[in-house]
C-alpha cells in the first residue's frame, strides 16, 4: 500500500505507547494512516500525538482481555498490530491471559471486523513444550492467532535494543550501582535487533504479499554471548567492574525472592529463558527476507549509553535524527 493509498485508512496498534509501539506508530503516521493507539492508559499515550498531524494519532482505551474494547479498537481498521506482551506475571495465569487468550481475541475480532492485515508479535523461543511459561504461552498465542486469522504475519524478535530499551540500559544502570557485574548463564547467546528495524519489519509485512501467513524471526547482524554483552556495556560506560559468575542454584534462590518484590528484577521463569539461546533459527526468514538490512549494536548503543559514564557524557546524535523530520524519533 502506497502512502497515498494509506491516507485516511485506519491502523490500530495494541500496546502502541510501549518501547516498540512508539516506533511503529511513528512509521504508520508517516505512511498516512490514522492511527488508533489501543492502550490501557490513553493519557499516558498522549506524547505520541505530535508524531502526526492534528487528529491523526488517537489514543484509545482498550485491553486485549475484553472483547468489547478490542472490538471497538479494530472496527473499521484496515491494519492491526498486536504488540502486547508481558515479561512477568502479577497474578498466576497472566501469561496465558495476555499472550494466548489476548492474542487470539485480537485475531478473532480483527477477522470479524474485516481487517485486511494483522501483524502479531511473538518471540524467538516460542515453544508449546517449553518449561518457561512465557515461551509456552507465546507459542499458544501464535496457534490461536493462526486459527482465527490464517493470513496474519507473526514476528518473533530477539532482544530488542534502542534508546528506551530495558536491556542495555538496565545493565548499564546496574554497572553504575554495583561494585561487580553478576553473570547468569553467561554462555547463552543473543542476537540483539534494533527497534527501528523491528518497526520497519511491521510495515514491510503489510506491504509484501508473501508475508501473509508467514512467520519471521528478527535478529541483528551479530550473535553475542550474554557475557560478551556485559563486557561491551562496561567498555561503553567506561566502568571497571569484575564479572562474577553466579551459579544457577544460587540464581534460582535469588529469583525466588526477587520475583516477589516490586519491579520483579528477576523471576524463575526469566531464569529458565536465560538458560536458552535467543537467536534466529537457521533457515527461518527474517529481516533480509523483508528487505531490511539489520543495524549493528555498535552503530546505535554507544549514543545512549554515554550518560552512564562517570560524570555523564554528552549525547551523540543518531544518524537519522539529522534528517530534521517533525517529531522524529531515532528510527
Protein backbone atom coordinates (compact mmCIF):
# COMPACT_ATOMS: atom_id res chain seq x y z
CA UNK A 1 0.00 0.00 0.00
CA UNK A 2 1.46 3.37 -1.00
CA UNK A 3 1.42 6.46 1.18
CA UNK A 4 -1.41 7.92 -0.90
CA UNK A 5 -3.43 4.70 -0.58
CA UNK A 6 -2.89 4.66 3.18
CA UNK A 7 -4.17 8.21 3.65
CA UNK A 8 -7.31 8.11 5.80
CA UNK A 9 -7.03 4.31 6.26
CA UNK A 10 -7.15 3.27 9.90
CA UNK A 11 -4.43 1.29 11.64
CA UNK A 12 -4.83 0.04 15.22
CA UNK A 13 -1.77 -0.64 17.35
CA UNK A 14 -2.36 -2.54 20.57
CA UNK A 15 0.41 -1.58 23.00
CA UNK A 16 1.32 1.39 20.83
CA UNK A 17 2.73 3.51 23.66
CA UNK A 18 5.39 0.96 24.59
CA UNK A 19 9.03 0.75 23.56
CA UNK A 20 8.45 -0.85 20.15
CA UNK A 21 4.97 0.61 19.72
CA UNK A 22 6.07 4.24 19.55
CA UNK A 23 8.30 3.47 16.58
CA UNK A 24 5.53 1.56 14.83
CA UNK A 25 3.07 4.42 15.41
CA UNK A 26 5.56 6.93 14.03
CA UNK A 27 6.05 4.95 10.83
CA UNK A 28 2.34 4.37 10.32
CA UNK A 29 1.69 8.11 10.71
CA UNK A 30 4.36 8.86 8.13
CA UNK A 31 2.65 6.40 5.80
CA UNK A 32 -0.55 8.42 6.12
CA UNK A 33 -2.64 6.19 8.39
CA UNK A 34 -4.99 7.44 11.04
CA UNK A 35 -3.52 5.53 13.98
CA UNK A 36 -5.54 4.26 16.91
CA UNK A 37 -3.21 3.63 19.83
CA UNK A 38 -5.08 0.98 21.81
CA UNK A 39 -3.78 1.07 25.39
CA UNK A 40 -4.98 0.79 28.98
CA UNK A 41 -3.73 4.32 29.74
CA UNK A 42 -4.72 6.71 26.92
CA UNK A 43 -3.41 9.76 28.80
CA UNK A 44 -0.01 8.07 29.01
CA UNK A 45 -0.03 7.80 25.20
CA UNK A 46 -0.61 11.50 24.52
CA UNK A 47 3.12 12.01 23.90
CA UNK A 48 2.61 10.21 20.57
CA UNK A 49 0.23 12.80 19.11
CA UNK A 50 2.94 15.22 17.83
CA UNK A 51 4.25 12.42 15.60
CA UNK A 52 1.31 13.03 13.26
CA UNK A 53 -0.95 15.77 12.03
CA UNK A 54 -3.83 17.08 14.12
CA UNK A 55 -6.21 14.22 14.83
CA UNK A 56 -4.08 11.62 13.05
CA UNK A 57 -2.97 9.74 16.18
CA UNK A 58 -5.80 8.80 18.52
CA UNK A 59 -5.07 7.19 21.92
CA UNK A 60 -7.95 4.86 22.76
CA UNK A 61 -8.73 2.87 25.89
CA UNK A 62 -8.61 -0.85 25.21
CA UNK A 63 -7.47 -4.00 26.92
CA UNK A 64 -6.93 -7.22 24.99
CA UNK A 65 -8.57 -9.02 27.93
CA UNK A 66 -12.00 -7.67 26.99
CA UNK A 67 -13.99 -8.38 23.81
CA UNK A 68 -15.90 -5.10 23.76
CA UNK A 69 -12.87 -2.83 23.95
CA UNK A 70 -10.97 -4.87 21.36
CA UNK A 71 -13.96 -4.83 19.01
CA UNK A 72 -14.21 -1.06 19.35
CA UNK A 73 -10.50 -0.65 18.63
CA UNK A 74 -10.45 -2.80 15.46
CA UNK A 75 -13.74 -1.64 13.97
CA UNK A 76 -13.01 -0.22 10.51
CA UNK A 77 -9.25 -0.79 10.82
CA UNK A 78 -7.50 -1.97 7.66
CA UNK A 79 -4.30 -2.81 9.54
CA UNK A 80 -3.94 -4.17 13.09
CA UNK A 81 -0.72 -4.69 15.05
CA UNK A 82 -0.68 -6.54 18.37
CA UNK A 83 2.43 -5.70 20.41
CA UNK A 84 1.05 -6.55 23.83
CA UNK A 85 3.21 -8.84 25.94
CA UNK A 86 4.49 -9.17 29.50
CA UNK A 87 7.79 -10.45 30.92
CA UNK A 88 6.48 -11.26 34.39
CA UNK A 89 3.14 -12.15 35.91
CA UNK A 90 1.42 -10.04 38.56
CA UNK A 91 -1.11 -12.82 39.08
CA UNK A 92 -0.86 -16.50 38.27
CA UNK A 93 -2.19 -17.06 34.76
CA UNK A 94 -1.37 -13.59 33.41
CA UNK A 95 0.92 -15.05 30.74
CA UNK A 96 -1.89 -17.17 29.36
CA UNK A 97 -4.48 -14.40 29.61
CA UNK A 98 -2.27 -11.91 27.75
CA UNK A 99 -0.22 -13.96 25.28
CA UNK A 100 -2.64 -16.78 24.48
CA UNK A 101 -6.19 -15.61 25.12
CA UNK A 102 -5.47 -11.95 24.36
CA UNK A 103 -3.62 -12.69 21.14
CA UNK A 104 -6.42 -14.97 19.97
CA UNK A 105 -9.05 -12.38 20.90
CA UNK A 106 -7.40 -9.65 18.82
CA UNK A 107 -7.07 -12.01 15.84
CA UNK A 108 -10.66 -13.27 16.08
CA UNK A 109 -12.22 -9.82 16.35
CA UNK A 110 -9.93 -8.31 13.70
CA UNK A 111 -11.00 -11.08 11.30
CA UNK A 112 -14.66 -10.45 12.11
CA UNK A 113 -14.17 -6.71 11.54
CA UNK A 114 -12.79 -7.30 8.05
CA UNK A 115 -9.22 -6.24 8.83
CA UNK A 116 -7.01 -6.72 5.78
CA UNK A 117 -3.69 -7.28 7.56
CA UNK A 118 -2.73 -8.40 11.07
CA UNK A 119 0.80 -8.41 12.47
CA UNK A 120 1.17 -10.33 15.72
CA UNK A 121 4.26 -10.12 17.92
CA UNK A 122 5.59 -13.29 19.48
CA UNK A 123 9.19 -14.04 20.50
CA UNK A 124 12.13 -16.19 19.48
CA UNK A 125 11.97 -19.34 21.57
CA UNK A 126 8.18 -19.62 21.48
CA UNK A 127 7.53 -23.32 22.05
CA UNK A 128 4.39 -25.00 23.44
CA UNK A 129 6.58 -27.58 25.20
CA UNK A 130 8.87 -25.04 26.87
CA UNK A 131 9.33 -25.12 30.66
CA UNK A 132 9.09 -21.33 30.56
CA UNK A 133 5.52 -20.08 30.88
CA UNK A 134 6.49 -17.01 28.87
CA UNK A 135 7.73 -19.09 25.92
CA UNK A 136 4.94 -21.68 26.02
CA UNK A 137 2.13 -19.10 26.16
CA UNK A 138 3.76 -17.15 23.33
CA UNK A 139 3.53 -20.35 21.25
CA UNK A 140 -0.09 -20.96 22.27
CA UNK A 141 -0.81 -17.36 21.30
CA UNK A 142 0.63 -17.98 17.83
CA UNK A 143 -1.60 -21.03 17.44
CA UNK A 144 -4.69 -19.07 18.49
CA UNK A 145 -3.84 -16.28 16.03
CA UNK A 146 -3.33 -18.75 13.17
CA UNK A 147 -6.68 -20.42 13.92
CA UNK A 148 -8.58 -17.12 13.90
CA UNK A 149 -6.66 -15.17 11.24
CA UNK A 150 -4.71 -17.56 8.97
CA UNK A 151 -3.12 -14.77 6.93
CA UNK A 152 -1.65 -13.00 9.96
CA UNK A 153 2.07 -12.26 9.88
CA UNK A 154 3.89 -13.35 13.03
CA UNK A 155 7.11 -11.60 14.07
CA UNK A 156 9.47 -13.16 16.61
CA UNK A 157 12.20 -10.71 17.64
CA UNK A 158 15.28 -11.48 19.70
CA UNK A 159 16.28 -8.96 22.39
CA UNK A 160 15.26 -5.54 21.04
CA UNK A 161 17.60 -2.60 21.63
CA UNK A 162 17.19 1.14 21.26
CA UNK A 163 17.36 4.34 23.35
CA UNK A 164 14.42 3.37 25.58
CA UNK A 165 15.23 -0.33 25.94
CA UNK A 166 15.16 -2.25 29.20
CA UNK A 167 18.16 -4.40 28.35
CA UNK A 168 21.30 -2.39 27.65
CA UNK A 169 20.01 0.47 29.81
CA UNK A 170 19.22 -1.84 32.73
CA UNK A 171 22.65 -3.46 32.83
CA UNK A 172 24.39 -0.12 32.34
CA UNK A 173 22.44 1.17 35.34
CA UNK A 174 23.48 -1.87 37.37
CA UNK A 175 27.10 -1.17 36.45
CA UNK A 176 26.67 2.28 37.98
CA UNK A 177 25.34 0.93 41.25
CA UNK A 178 27.15 -2.36 41.85
CA UNK A 179 30.84 -2.98 42.55
CA UNK A 180 30.68 -6.04 40.28
CA UNK A 181 28.55 -7.41 37.43
CA UNK A 182 26.68 -10.64 38.16
CA UNK A 183 26.73 -13.09 35.26
CA UNK A 184 23.99 -15.72 34.99
CA UNK A 185 24.16 -18.15 32.05
CA UNK A 186 26.97 -16.14 30.51
CA UNK A 187 27.36 -18.55 27.58
CA UNK A 188 23.75 -18.10 26.43
CA UNK A 189 23.60 -16.45 23.02
CA UNK A 190 21.54 -13.46 21.91
CA UNK A 191 21.03 -11.72 18.58
CA UNK A 192 20.03 -8.16 19.54
CA UNK A 193 17.84 -6.45 16.94
CA UNK A 194 17.38 -2.69 16.56
CA UNK A 195 13.92 -1.33 17.40
CA UNK A 196 13.88 0.71 14.19
CA UNK A 197 14.42 -2.44 12.15
CA UNK A 198 11.63 -4.19 14.05
CA UNK A 199 9.23 -1.31 13.32
CA UNK A 200 10.28 -1.37 9.65
CA UNK A 201 9.50 -5.09 9.62
CA UNK A 202 5.91 -4.34 10.64
CA UNK A 203 5.45 -2.02 7.66
CA UNK A 204 7.27 -4.42 5.34
CA UNK A 205 4.98 -7.26 6.41
CA UNK A 206 1.99 -5.13 5.46
CA UNK A 207 3.48 -4.22 2.08
CA UNK A 208 4.61 -7.67 0.91
CA UNK A 209 2.04 -10.22 -0.33
CA UNK A 210 4.42 -13.08 0.52
CA UNK A 211 4.34 -12.07 4.20
CA UNK A 212 0.68 -13.05 4.60
CA UNK A 213 0.53 -16.15 6.78
CA UNK A 214 4.33 -16.19 7.27
CA UNK A 215 6.44 -16.21 10.43
CA UNK A 216 9.67 -14.20 10.64
CA UNK A 217 12.41 -14.35 13.28
CA UNK A 218 14.11 -11.00 13.71
CA UNK A 219 17.74 -10.78 14.77
CA UNK A 220 20.61 -8.38 14.29
CA UNK A 221 23.76 -8.97 12.25
CA UNK A 222 25.79 -10.39 15.14
CA UNK A 223 25.34 -13.12 17.74
CA UNK A 224 26.64 -12.25 21.21
CA UNK A 225 27.03 -14.29 24.37
CA UNK A 226 25.47 -12.74 27.44
CA UNK A 227 28.94 -12.33 28.95
CA UNK A 228 30.19 -10.56 25.82
CA UNK A 229 27.26 -8.14 26.02
CA UNK A 230 28.08 -7.30 29.63
CA UNK A 231 31.73 -6.69 28.73
CA UNK A 232 30.63 -4.43 25.89
CA UNK A 233 28.36 -2.43 28.22
CA UNK A 234 31.19 -1.99 30.71
CA UNK A 235 33.51 -0.81 27.95
CA UNK A 236 30.99 1.70 26.57
CA UNK A 237 30.14 3.08 30.01
CA UNK A 238 33.83 3.11 31.00
CA UNK A 239 33.12 1.19 34.17
CA UNK A 240 35.67 -1.22 35.58
CA UNK A 241 33.68 -3.98 37.21
CA UNK A 242 34.71 -7.60 37.71
CA UNK A 243 32.35 -10.14 36.19
CA UNK A 244 31.17 -12.57 38.87
CA UNK A 245 29.59 -15.79 37.62
CA UNK A 246 26.53 -16.70 39.65
CA UNK A 247 25.81 -20.46 39.85
CA UNK A 248 22.31 -21.40 38.68
CA UNK A 249 21.45 -22.88 42.08
CA UNK A 250 22.19 -19.53 43.72
CA UNK A 251 20.39 -17.63 40.94
CA UNK A 252 17.27 -19.74 41.48
CA UNK A 253 17.23 -18.87 45.17
CA UNK A 254 17.68 -15.17 44.36
CA UNK A 255 14.96 -15.27 41.71
CA UNK A 256 12.59 -16.91 44.17
CA UNK A 257 12.98 -13.84 46.39
CA UNK A 258 13.22 -11.11 43.73
CA UNK A 259 10.09 -12.20 41.87
CA UNK A 260 8.02 -11.27 44.92
CA UNK A 261 9.48 -7.77 45.18
CA UNK A 262 8.25 -4.64 43.31
CA UNK A 263 9.81 -4.36 39.87
CA UNK A 264 10.45 -8.13 39.58
CA UNK A 265 14.13 -7.70 38.69
CA UNK A 266 14.45 -11.45 38.12
CA UNK A 267 11.90 -14.26 38.15
CA UNK A 268 12.33 -18.01 37.99
CA UNK A 269 10.58 -18.03 34.63
CA UNK A 270 13.05 -15.45 33.25
CA UNK A 271 15.86 -17.62 34.59
CA UNK A 272 14.54 -20.55 32.56
CA UNK A 273 14.60 -18.36 29.45
CA UNK A 274 18.13 -17.16 30.17
CA UNK A 275 19.30 -20.75 30.02
CA UNK A 276 18.40 -21.00 26.32
CA UNK A 277 19.87 -19.28 23.27
CA UNK A 278 17.80 -16.42 21.85
CA UNK A 279 18.94 -16.42 18.22
CA UNK A 280 17.30 -16.79 14.82
CA UNK A 281 16.61 -20.42 13.91
CA UNK A 282 18.69 -21.49 10.90
CA UNK A 283 16.58 -21.41 7.76
CA UNK A 284 13.87 -19.15 9.20
CA UNK A 285 13.08 -16.00 7.19
CA UNK A 286 13.95 -12.74 8.91
CA UNK A 287 14.89 -9.13 8.24
CA UNK A 288 16.74 -9.80 4.96
CA UNK A 289 13.67 -11.55 3.52
CA UNK A 290 11.67 -8.44 4.42
CA UNK A 291 14.17 -6.27 2.55
CA UNK A 292 15.75 -4.81 5.71
CA UNK A 293 19.50 -4.63 6.39
CA UNK A 294 19.99 -5.34 10.13
CA UNK A 295 21.53 -2.50 12.15
CA UNK A 296 24.57 -3.35 14.32
CA UNK A 297 24.55 -2.77 18.07
CA UNK A 298 27.75 -0.76 17.68
CA UNK A 299 26.05 1.82 15.46
CA UNK A 300 23.34 2.78 17.96
CA UNK A 301 24.01 1.69 21.53
CA UNK A 302 27.06 3.89 22.32
CA UNK A 303 24.98 7.05 21.78
CA UNK A 304 22.55 6.26 24.58
CA UNK A 305 24.94 4.54 26.98
CA UNK A 306 27.18 7.61 27.22
CA UNK A 307 25.02 9.00 30.02
CA UNK A 308 26.07 6.09 32.24
CA UNK A 309 29.75 7.01 32.07
CA UNK A 310 31.40 8.50 35.16
CA UNK A 311 30.42 12.15 35.24
CA UNK A 312 27.88 11.65 32.45
CA UNK A 313 28.55 12.27 28.79
CA UNK A 314 27.27 14.46 26.02
CA UNK A 315 24.78 12.52 23.94
CA UNK A 316 25.76 11.71 20.39
CA UNK A 317 23.23 12.33 17.62
CA UNK A 318 21.94 9.19 15.95
CA UNK A 319 22.22 9.16 12.13
CA UNK A 320 18.57 9.64 11.14
CA UNK A 321 17.99 12.35 13.75
CA UNK A 322 19.92 14.63 11.42
CA UNK A 323 17.02 14.49 8.95
CA UNK A 324 15.07 17.04 10.98
CA UNK A 325 11.68 15.40 10.38
CA UNK A 326 8.96 16.83 12.62
CA UNK A 327 8.70 14.95 15.89
CA UNK A 328 11.17 12.29 14.74
CA UNK A 329 12.29 9.52 16.99
CA UNK A 330 15.55 7.79 16.12
CA UNK A 331 14.46 5.06 13.68
